Protein backbone atom coordinates (compact mmCIF):
# COMPACT_ATOMS: atom_id res chain seq x y z
CA MET A 1 -2.26 7.68 -1.98
CA ASN A 2 -3.55 11.25 -0.79
CA GLU A 3 -4.63 11.38 2.91
CA HIS A 4 -8.12 12.11 3.58
CA PRO A 5 -8.70 15.81 4.58
CA LEU A 6 -10.77 14.78 7.72
CA SER A 7 -8.08 12.26 8.86
CA ASP A 8 -5.43 12.85 11.66
CA ASN A 9 -1.84 12.23 11.19
CA LEU A 10 -1.74 8.38 11.26
CA SER A 11 1.91 8.13 11.83
CA ASP A 12 1.29 9.64 15.36
CA LEU A 13 -1.00 6.64 16.30
CA SER A 14 0.17 3.45 18.17
CA TYR A 15 -0.32 0.32 16.31
CA GLU A 16 -3.16 -0.56 18.91
CA ASP A 17 -4.80 2.73 18.11
CA LEU A 18 -4.53 2.19 14.61
CA GLU A 19 -6.14 -1.31 14.76
CA GLN A 20 -8.96 0.14 17.04
CA ARG A 21 -9.77 3.00 14.50
CA ILE A 22 -9.92 0.25 11.67
CA SER A 23 -12.09 -1.76 13.61
CA LYS A 24 -14.53 1.17 14.72
CA LEU A 25 -14.67 2.59 11.15
CA THR A 26 -15.37 -0.81 9.59
CA SER A 27 -18.29 -1.16 11.98
CA ARG A 28 -19.59 2.26 11.22
CA TRP A 29 -19.15 1.46 7.41
CA TYR A 30 -21.32 -1.75 7.77
CA THR A 31 -23.91 0.13 9.85
CA ALA A 32 -24.17 2.92 7.25
CA LYS A 33 -24.57 0.09 4.55
CA ARG A 34 -27.32 -1.42 6.59
CA MET A 35 -29.16 1.80 6.87
CA ASN A 36 -29.08 2.64 3.31
CA LEU A 37 -27.25 5.79 3.66
CA ASP A 38 -26.28 7.95 0.57
CA PRO A 39 -23.48 6.24 -1.20
CA SER A 40 -21.25 9.22 -0.77
CA VAL A 41 -21.24 8.71 2.99
CA LEU A 42 -20.08 5.23 2.40
CA TYR A 43 -17.51 6.45 -0.21
CA GLN A 44 -15.95 8.74 2.38
CA LEU A 45 -15.91 6.07 5.20
CA ASP A 46 -14.20 3.94 2.56
CA LEU A 47 -11.59 6.61 1.87
CA LEU A 48 -10.83 6.81 5.45
CA LEU A 49 -10.62 3.01 5.80
CA GLN A 50 -8.21 2.94 2.83
CA GLY A 51 -5.82 5.64 4.55
CA LEU A 52 -5.83 3.56 7.82
CA GLU A 53 -4.96 0.40 5.89
CA ALA A 54 -2.31 2.14 3.89
CA GLU A 55 -0.62 3.28 7.15
CA LYS A 56 -0.74 -0.29 8.57
CA MET A 57 0.73 -1.65 5.37
CA ARG A 58 3.46 1.03 5.34
CA ARG A 59 4.36 0.20 8.92
CA ALA A 60 4.42 -3.51 8.15
CA ASN A 61 6.73 -2.92 5.15
CA THR A 62 9.13 -0.77 7.22
CA GLN A 63 9.26 -3.50 10.00
CA SER A 64 10.14 -6.15 7.34
CA GLU A 65 12.68 -3.98 5.90
CA THR A 66 14.49 -3.21 9.09
CA GLY A 67 14.11 -6.73 10.48
CA GLY A 68 11.26 -5.87 12.95
CA GLU A 69 12.56 -2.48 14.06
CA VAL A 70 10.87 0.72 13.11
CA LEU A 71 13.40 3.26 12.07
CA ASN A 72 13.44 6.74 13.92
CA THR A 73 13.19 9.17 11.01
CA ASP A 74 12.89 12.10 13.11
CA TRP A 75 16.50 12.04 14.62
CA LYS A 76 18.34 15.32 14.97
CA GLU A 77 22.08 15.92 14.82
CA ASP A 78 22.24 16.13 18.66
CA ASP A 79 20.68 12.72 18.97
CA LYS A 80 23.58 11.25 16.96
CA LYS A 81 26.17 12.02 19.86
CA SER A 82 24.38 10.15 22.40
């Protein structure tokens, strides 16, 4: 799935921040729906929500594959020595 162009780098968010963004964006989606806003607005909000949910699922899959630990994929050669 492609990232939404207005989305931040979601991998930098903590799990709590990710959950909070999903909650806020879901609330905004329902508000926009109640206000009968243009369907393109709902579509853009939906795309942002899909990206957040995909990141949440990616993290869950990573944790289940590693036995609950998240792998540090940003290690450098110097980190291996310590």
